Amino acid sequence: MKGTYTVTMGAHGHIEVPESVRERAGLHEGATLVLLETSNGIVLLTRDQLLERVRRELEGLDLVGDLLTERRTAGQHEAA
């Protein structure tokens, strides 16, 4: 079950992730998590969750094409 959890920050900024969340996410001691500070607050993700989030946000974009167009335009202005 997904939900909202209240955690308390302990010494040295440590927080404890609830056991049920750790089990569902497959987290174990020493697991690496990524903390994102966003305009909407703090988000804690596994690396796989972050990778999926980035893929979703970039889906359908042509970043290479956009960069090439930008460079061609800049090159034309420099040549003029």
PDB file of N, CA and C in Angstrom:
ATOM      1  N   MET A   1       0.838  -1.183   0.000  1.00  0.00           N
ATOM      2  CA  MET A   1       0.000   0.000   0.000  1.00  0.00           C
ATOM      3  C   MET A   1       0.878   1.239   0.000  1.00  0.00           C
ATOM      4  N   LYS A   2       0.594   2.162  -0.885  1.00  0.00           N
ATOM      5  CA  LYS A   2       1.318   3.426  -0.931  1.00  0.00           C
ATOM      6  C   LYS A   2       0.622   4.415  -0.015  1.00  0.00           C
ATOM      7  N   GLY A   3       1.393   5.341   0.522  1.00  0.00           N
ATOM      8  CA  GLY A   3       0.760   6.289   1.412  1.00  0.00           C
ATOM      9  C   GLY A   3       1.705   7.387   1.846  1.00  0.00           C
ATOM     10  N   THR A   4       1.278   8.082   2.846  1.00  0.00           N
ATOM     11  CA  THR A   4       2.048   9.171   3.426  1.00  0.00           C
ATOM     12  C   THR A   4       2.517   8.730   4.797  1.00  0.00           C
ATOM     13  N   TYR A   5       3.768   9.001   5.095  1.00  0.00           N
ATOM     14  CA  TYR A   5       4.347   8.576   6.360  1.00  0.00           C
ATOM     15  C   TYR A   5       4.993   9.768   7.042  1.00  0.00           C
ATOM     16  N   THR A   6       4.942   9.773   8.344  1.00  0.00           N
ATOM     17  CA  THR A   6       5.618  10.789   9.135  1.00  0.00           C
ATOM     18  C   THR A   6       6.874  10.153   9.705  1.00  0.00           C
ATOM     19  N   VAL A   7       8.011  10.793   9.462  1.00  0.00           N
ATOM     20  CA  VAL A   7       9.273  10.303  10.005  1.00  0.00           C
ATOM     21  C   VAL A   7       9.912  11.430  10.809  1.00  0.00           C
ATOM     22  N   THR A   8      10.757  11.062  11.723  1.00  0.00           N
ATOM     23  CA  THR A   8      11.429  12.036  12.566  1.00  0.00           C
ATOM     24  C   THR A   8      12.913  12.017  12.263  1.00  0.00           C
ATOM     25  N   MET A   9      13.489  13.200  12.133  1.00  0.00           N
ATOM     26  CA  MET A   9      14.911  13.281  11.873  1.00  0.00           C
ATOM     27  C   MET A   9      15.664  13.093  13.179  1.00  0.00           C
ATOM     28  N   GLY A  10      16.632  12.186  13.154  1.00  0.00           N
ATOM     29  CA  GLY A  10      17.434  11.909  14.337  1.00  0.00           C
ATOM     30  C   GLY A  10      18.786  12.594  14.256  1.00  0.00           C
ATOM     31  N   ALA A  11      19.689  12.102  15.050  1.00  0.00           N
ATOM     32  CA  ALA A  11      21.046  12.653  15.107  1.00  0.00           C
ATOM     33  C   ALA A  11      21.693  12.614  13.725  1.00  0.00           C
ATOM     34  N   HIS A  12      22.429  13.655  13.428  1.00  0.00           N
ATOM     35  CA  HIS A  12      23.180  13.764  12.176  1.00  0.00           C
ATOM     36  C   HIS A  12      22.287  13.731  10.939  1.00  0.00           C
ATOM     37  N   GLY A  13      21.010  14.081  11.075  1.00  0.00           N
ATOM     38  CA  GLY A  13      20.106  14.140   9.934  1.00  0.00           C
ATOM     39  C   GLY A  13      19.562  12.802   9.496  1.00  0.00           C
ATOM     40  N   HIS A  14      19.745  11.758  10.271  1.00  0.00           N
ATOM     41  CA  HIS A  14      19.272  10.425   9.896  1.00  0.00           C
ATOM     42  C   HIS A  14      17.757  10.337  10.023  1.00  0.00           C
ATOM     43  N   ILE A  15      17.142   9.685   9.044  1.00  0.00           N
ATOM     44  CA  ILE A  15      15.712   9.388   9.122  1.00  0.00           C
ATOM     45  C   ILE A  15      15.538   7.887   8.964  1.00  0.00           C
ATOM     46  N   GLU A  16      14.471   7.370   9.525  1.00  0.00           N
ATOM     47  CA  GLU A  16      14.195   5.944   9.397  1.00  0.00           C
ATOM     48  C   GLU A  16      13.018   5.759   8.454  1.00  0.00           C
ATOM     49  N   VAL A  17      13.249   4.988   7.405  1.00  0.00           N
ATOM     50  CA  VAL A  17      12.195   4.674   6.441  1.00  0.00           C
ATOM     51  C   VAL A  17      11.379   3.528   7.044  1.00  0.00           C
ATOM     52  N   PRO A  18      10.056   3.669   7.092  1.00  0.00           N
ATOM     53  CA  PRO A  18       9.227   2.614   7.683  1.00  0.00           C
ATOM     54  C   PRO A  18       9.492   1.249   7.051  1.00  0.00           C
ATOM     55  N   GLU A  19       9.437   0.223   7.874  1.00  0.00           N
ATOM     56  CA  GLU A  19       9.753  -1.138   7.432  1.00  0.00           C
ATOM     57  C   GLU A  19       8.918  -1.568   6.233  1.00  0.00           C
ATOM     58  N   SER A  20       7.628  -1.272   6.252  1.00  0.00           N
ATOM     59  CA  SER A  20       6.768  -1.701   5.139  1.00  0.00           C
ATOM     60  C   SER A  20       7.199  -1.055   3.829  1.00  0.00           C
ATOM     61  N   VAL A  21       7.653   0.192   3.881  1.00  0.00           N
ATOM     62  CA  VAL A  21       8.125   0.882   2.679  1.00  0.00           C
ATOM     63  C   VAL A  21       9.436   0.251   2.207  1.00  0.00           C
ATOM     64  N   ARG A  22      10.338  -0.018   3.150  1.00  0.00           N
ATOM     65  CA  ARG A  22      11.615  -0.648   2.797  1.00  0.00           C
ATOM     66  C   ARG A  22      11.391  -1.987   2.123  1.00  0.00           C
ATOM     67  N   GLU A  23      10.467  -2.768   2.647  1.00  0.00           N
ATOM     68  CA  GLU A  23      10.188  -4.094   2.078  1.00  0.00           C
ATOM     69  C   GLU A  23       9.649  -3.977   0.664  1.00  0.00           C
ATOM     70  N   ARG A  24       8.672  -3.088   0.453  1.00  0.00           N
ATOM     71  CA  ARG A  24       8.081  -2.935  -0.887  1.00  0.00           C
ATOM     72  C   ARG A  24       9.099  -2.413  -1.894  1.00  0.00           C
ATOM     73  N   ALA A  25       9.984  -1.530  -1.441  1.00  0.00           N
ATOM     74  CA  ALA A  25      10.964  -0.931  -2.349  1.00  0.00           C
ATOM     75  C   ALA A  25      12.219  -1.799  -2.496  1.00  0.00           C
ATOM     76  N   GLY A  26      12.312  -2.855  -1.705  1.00  0.00           N
ATOM     77  CA  GLY A  26      13.484  -3.722  -1.771  1.00  0.00           C
ATOM     78  C   GLY A  26      14.731  -3.049  -1.204  1.00  0.00           C
ATOM     79  N   LEU A  27      14.545  -2.160  -0.249  1.00  0.00           N
ATOM     80  CA  LEU A  27      15.678  -1.440   0.341  1.00  0.00           C
ATOM     81  C   LEU A  27      16.316  -2.270   1.451  1.00  0.00           C
ATOM     82  N   HIS A  28      17.611  -2.120   1.571  1.00  0.00           N
ATOM     83  CA  HIS A  28      18.361  -2.813   2.604  1.00  0.00           C
ATOM     84  C   HIS A  28      19.383  -1.842   3.170  1.00  0.00           C
ATOM     85  N   GLU A  29      19.982  -2.213   4.275  1.00  0.00           N
ATOM     86  CA  GLU A  29      20.984  -1.349   4.890  1.00  0.00           C
ATOM     87  C   GLU A  29      22.093  -1.049   3.882  1.00  0.00           C
ATOM     88  N   GLY A  30      22.439   0.209   3.751  1.00  0.00           N
ATOM     89  CA  GLY A  30      23.483   0.625   2.811  1.00  0.00           C
ATOM     90  C   GLY A  30      22.966   0.968   1.426  1.00  0.00           C
ATOM     91  N   ALA A  31      21.651   0.798   1.188  1.00  0.00           N
ATOM     92  CA  ALA A  31      21.072   1.122  -0.121  1.00  0.00           C
ATOM     93  C   ALA A  31      21.246   2.616  -0.394  1.00  0.00           C
ATOM     94  N   THR A  32      21.528   2.953  -1.641  1.00  0.00           N
ATOM     95  CA  THR A  32      21.689   4.346  -2.039  1.00  0.00           C
ATOM     96  C   THR A  32      20.347   4.925  -2.441  1.00  0.00           C
ATOM     97  N   LEU A  33      20.018   6.064  -1.862  1.00  0.00           N
ATOM     98  CA  LEU A  33      18.813   6.792  -2.220  1.00  0.00           C
ATOM     99  C   LEU A  33      19.220   8.171  -2.718  1.00  0.00           C
ATOM    100  N   VAL A  34      18.386   8.761  -3.563  1.00  0.00           N
ATOM    101  CA  VAL A  34      18.638  10.092  -4.106  1.00  0.00           C
ATOM    102  C   VAL A  34      17.606  11.039  -3.524  1.00  0.00           C
ATOM    103  N   LEU A  35      18.068  12.137  -2.946  1.00  0.00           N
ATOM    104  CA  LEU A  35      17.186  13.147  -2.383  1.00  0.00           C
ATOM    105  C   LEU A  35      17.118  14.312  -3.357  1.00  0.00           C
ATOM    106  N   LEU A  36      15.912  14.605  -3.834  1.00  0.00           N
ATOM    107  CA  LEU A  36      15.705  15.734  -4.736  1.00  0.00           C
ATOM    108  C   LEU A  36      15.044  16.858  -3.958  1.00  0.00           C
ATOM    109  N   GLU A  37      15.610  18.032  -4.056  1.00  0.00           N
ATOM    110  CA  GLU A  37      14.982  19.210  -3.466  1.00  0.00           C
ATOM    111  C   GLU A  37      14.263  19.920  -4.606  1.00  0.00           C
ATOM    112  N   THR A  38      12.939  19.897  -4.581  1.00  0.00           N
ATOM    113  CA  THR A  38      12.146  20.486  -5.653  1.00  0.00           C
ATOM    114  C   THR A  38      11.381  21.695  -5.125  1.00  0.00           C
ATOM    115  N   SER A  39      10.746  22.409  -6.027  1.00  0.00           N
ATOM    116  CA  SER A  39       9.935  23.549  -5.609  1.00  0.00           C
ATOM    117  C   SER A  39       8.721  23.098  -4.799  1.00  0.00           C
ATOM    118  N   ASN A  40       8.353  21.829  -4.923  1.00  0.00           N
ATOM    119  CA  ASN A  40       7.214  21.279  -4.187  1.00  0.00           C
ATOM    120  C   ASN A  40       7.622  20.590  -2.895  1.00  0.00           C
ATOM    121  N   GLY A  41       8.908  20.517  -2.616  1.00  0.00           N
ATOM    122  CA  GLY A  41       9.368  19.867  -1.389  1.00  0.00           C
ATOM    123  C   GLY A  41      10.462  18.860  -1.684  1.00  0.00           C
ATOM    124  N   ILE A  42      10.711  18.003  -0.729  1.00  0.00           N
ATOM    125  CA  ILE A  42      11.775  17.003  -0.819  1.00  0.00           C
ATOM    126  C   ILE A  42      11.189  15.677  -1.296  1.00  0.00           C
ATOM    127  N   VAL A  43      11.895  15.034  -2.224  1.00  0.00           N
ATOM    128  CA  VAL A  43      11.475  13.744  -2.755  1.00  0.00           C
ATOM    129  C   VAL A  43      12.641  12.778  -2.565  1.00  0.00           C
ATOM    130  N   LEU A  44      12.379  11.616  -2.029  1.00  0.00           N
ATOM    131  CA  LEU A  44      13.390  10.600  -1.806  1.00  0.00           C
ATOM    132  C   LEU A  44      13.108   9.438  -2.749  1.00  0.00           C
ATOM    133  N   LEU A  45      14.088   9.106  -3.601  1.00  0.00           N
ATOM    134  CA  LEU A  45      13.903   8.091  -4.635  1.00  0.00           C
ATOM    135  C   LEU A  45      15.058   7.100  -4.640  1.00  0.00           C
ATOM    136  N   THR A  46      14.770   5.888  -5.109  1.00  0.00           N
ATOM    137  CA  THR A  46      15.856   4.967  -5.421  1.00  0.00           C
ATOM    138  C   THR A  46      16.446   5.408  -6.762  1.00  0.00           C
ATOM    139  N   ARG A  47      17.605   4.906  -7.097  1.00  0.00           N
ATOM    140  CA  ARG A  47      18.208   5.262  -8.397  1.00  0.00           C
ATOM    141  C   ARG A  47      17.313   4.831  -9.548  1.00  0.00           C
ATOM    142  N   ASP A  48      16.715   3.636  -9.442  1.00  0.00           N
ATOM    143  CA  ASP A  48      15.815   3.159 -10.501  1.00  0.00           C
ATOM    144  C   ASP A  48      14.598   4.061 -10.648  1.00  0.00           C
ATOM    145  N   GLN A  49      14.050   4.522  -9.515  1.00  0.00           N
ATOM    146  CA  GLN A  49      12.903   5.424  -9.567  1.00  0.00           C
ATOM    147  C   GLN A  49      13.287   6.753 -10.206  1.00  0.00           C
ATOM    148  N   LEU A  50      14.476   7.248  -9.894  1.00  0.00           N
ATOM    149  CA  LEU A  50      14.942   8.495 -10.496  1.00  0.00           C
ATOM    150  C   LEU A  50      15.141   8.324 -11.995  1.00  0.00           C
ATOM    151  N   LEU A  51      15.755   7.231 -12.404  1.00  0.00           N
ATOM    152  CA  LEU A  51      15.965   6.965 -13.825  1.00  0.00           C
ATOM    153  C   LEU A  51      14.635   6.926 -14.572  1.00  0.00           C
ATOM    154  N   GLU A  52      13.638   6.263 -14.005  1.00  0.00           N
ATOM    155  CA  GLU A  52      12.314   6.188 -14.635  1.00  0.00           C
ATOM    156  C   GLU A  52      11.675   7.573 -14.709  1.00  0.00           C
ATOM    157  N   ARG A  53      11.839   8.360 -13.667  1.00  0.00           N
ATOM    158  CA  ARG A  53      11.284   9.725 -13.651  1.00  0.00           C
ATOM    159  C   ARG A  53      11.912  10.581 -14.744  1.00  0.00           C
ATOM    160  N   VAL A  54      13.221  10.505 -14.881  1.00  0.00           N
ATOM    161  CA  VAL A  54      13.920  11.273 -15.913  1.00  0.00           C
ATOM    162  C   VAL A  54      13.490  10.806 -17.302  1.00  0.00           C
ATOM    163  N   ARG A  55      13.391   9.505 -17.497  1.00  0.00           N
ATOM    164  CA  ARG A  55      12.953   8.977 -18.800  1.00  0.00           C
ATOM    165  C   ARG A  55      11.559   9.483 -19.160  1.00  0.00           C
ATOM    166  N   ARG A  56      10.641   9.476 -18.175  1.00  0.00           N
ATOM    167  CA  ARG A  56       9.276   9.972 -18.421  1.00  0.00           C
ATOM    168  C   ARG A  56       9.293  11.441 -18.809  1.00  0.00           C
ATOM    169  N   GLU A  57      10.103  12.239 -18.096  1.00  0.00           N
ATOM    170  CA  GLU A  57      10.144  13.676 -18.352  1.00  0.00           C
ATOM    171  C   GLU A  57      10.789  14.015 -19.696  1.00  0.00           C
ATOM    172  N   LEU A  58      11.682  13.150 -20.177  1.00  0.00           N
ATOM    173  CA  LEU A  58      12.358  13.402 -21.453  1.00  0.00           C
ATOM    174  C   LEU A  58      11.673  12.714 -22.630  1.00  0.00           C
ATOM    175  N   GLU A  59      10.700  11.876 -22.350  1.00  0.00           N
ATOM    176  CA  GLU A  59      10.022  11.120 -23.399  1.00  0.00           C
ATOM    177  C   GLU A  59       9.438  12.057 -24.458  1.00  0.00           C
ATOM    178  N   GLY A  60       9.709  11.743 -25.717  1.00  0.00           N
ATOM    179  CA  GLY A  60       9.170  12.524 -26.824  1.00  0.00           C
ATOM    180  C   GLY A  60       9.989  13.742 -27.184  1.00  0.00           C
ATOM    181  N   LEU A  61      11.006  14.052 -26.400  1.00  0.00           N
ATOM    182  CA  LEU A  61      11.847  15.203 -26.721  1.00  0.00           C
ATOM    183  C   LEU A  61      12.975  14.778 -27.650  1.00  0.00           C
ATOM    184  N   ASP A  62      13.368  15.663 -28.527  1.00  0.00           N
ATOM    185  CA  ASP A  62      14.484  15.408 -29.434  1.00  0.00           C
ATOM    186  C   ASP A  62      15.628  16.333 -29.026  1.00  0.00           C
ATOM    187  N   LEU A  63      16.310  15.971 -27.960  1.00  0.00           N
ATOM    188  CA  LEU A  63      17.350  16.840 -27.425  1.00  0.00           C
ATOM    189  C   LEU A  63      18.518  17.004 -28.397  1.00  0.00           C
ATOM    190  N   VAL A  64      18.899  15.927 -29.066  1.00  0.00           N
ATOM    191  CA  VAL A  64      20.009  16.006 -30.021  1.00  0.00           C
ATOM    192  C   VAL A  64      19.612  16.882 -31.203  1.00  0.00           C
ATOM    193  N   GLY A  65      18.425  16.695 -31.726  1.00  0.00           N
ATOM    194  CA  GLY A  65      17.945  17.513 -32.830  1.00  0.00           C
ATOM    195  C   GLY A  65      17.866  18.982 -32.458  1.00  0.00           C
ATOM    196  N   ASP A  66      17.367  19.262 -31.249  1.00  0.00           N
ATOM    197  CA  ASP A  66      17.286  20.643 -30.775  1.00  0.00           C
ATOM    198  C   ASP A  66      18.669  21.265 -30.649  1.00  0.00           C
ATOM    199  N   LEU A  67      19.633  20.496 -30.137  1.00  0.00           N
ATOM    200  CA  LEU A  67      20.994  21.001 -29.988  1.00  0.00           C
ATOM    201  C   LEU A  67      21.625  21.270 -31.348  1.00  0.00           C
ATOM    202  N   LEU A  68      21.425  20.358 -32.291  1.00  0.00           N
ATOM    203  CA  LEU A  68      21.989  20.556 -33.637  1.00  0.00           C
ATOM    204  C   LEU A  68      21.391  21.796 -34.297  1.00  0.00           C
ATOM    205  N   THR A  69      20.096  21.984 -34.173  1.00  0.00           N
ATOM    206  CA  THR A  69      19.443  23.164 -34.729  1.00  0.00           C
ATOM    207  C   THR A  69      20.003  24.433 -34.101  1.00  0.00           C
ATOM    208  N   GLU A  70      20.164  24.410 -32.790  1.00  0.00           N
ATOM    209  CA  GLU A  70      20.714  25.562 -32.081  1.00  0.00           C
ATOM    210  C   GLU A  70      22.135  25.870 -32.546  1.00  0.00           C
ATOM    211  N   ARG A  71      22.955  24.835 -32.696  1.00  0.00           N
ATOM    212  CA  ARG A  71      24.345  25.040 -33.144  1.00  0.00           C
ATOM    213  C   ARG A  71      24.392  25.539 -34.591  1.00  0.00           C
ATOM    214  N   ARG A  72      23.533  25.014 -35.454  1.00  0.00           N
ATOM    215  CA  ARG A  72      23.489  25.478 -36.846  1.00  0.00           C
ATOM    216  C   ARG A  72      23.110  26.940 -36.920  1.00  0.00           C
ATOM    217  N   THR A  73      22.103  27.323 -36.141  1.00  0.00           N
ATOM    218  CA  THR A  73      21.663  28.722 -36.094  1.00  0.00           C
ATOM    219  C   THR A  73      22.787  29.613 -35.585  1.00  0.00           C
ATOM    220  N   ALA A  74      23.457  29.201 -34.546  1.00  0.00           N
ATOM    221  CA  ALA A  74      24.581  29.981 -34.002  1.00  0.00           C
ATOM    222  C   ALA A  74      25.696  30.081 -35.030  1.00  0.00           C
ATOM    223  N   GLY A  75      25.962  28.984 -35.727  1.00  0.00           N
ATOM    224  CA  GLY A  75      27.006  28.985 -36.760  1.00  0.00           C
ATOM    225  C   GLY A  75      26.670  29.933 -37.898  1.00  0.00           C
ATOM    226  N   GLN A  76      25.406  29.994 -38.298  1.00  0.00           N
ATOM    227  CA  GLN A  76      24.982  30.904 -39.361  1.00  0.00           C
ATOM    228  C   GLN A  76      25.154  32.349 -38.933  1.00  0.00           C
ATOM    229  N   HIS A  77      24.851  32.644 -37.679  1.00  0.00           N
ATOM    230  CA  HIS A  77      25.010  34.017 -37.178  1.00  0.00           C
ATOM    231  C   HIS A  77      26.488  34.392 -37.099  1.00  0.00           C
ATOM    232  N   GLU A  78      27.346  33.426 -36.740  1.00  0.00           N
ATOM    233  CA  GLU A  78      28.771  33.692 -36.665  1.00  0.00           C
ATOM    234  C   GLU A  78      29.376  33.916 -38.042  1.00  0.00           C
ATOM    235  N   ALA A  79      28.850  33.209 -39.047  1.00  0.00           N
ATOM    236  CA  ALA A  79      29.368  33.320 -40.419  1.00  0.00           C
ATOM    237  C   ALA A  79      28.907  34.626 -41.082  1.00  0.00           C
ATOM    238  N   ALA A  80      27.823  35.188 -40.602  1.00  0.00           N
ATOM    239  CA  ALA A  80      27.260  36.390 -41.229  1.00  0.00           C
ATOM    240  C   ALA A  80      28.008  37.649 -40.872  1.00  0.00           C
TER     241      ALA A  80
END
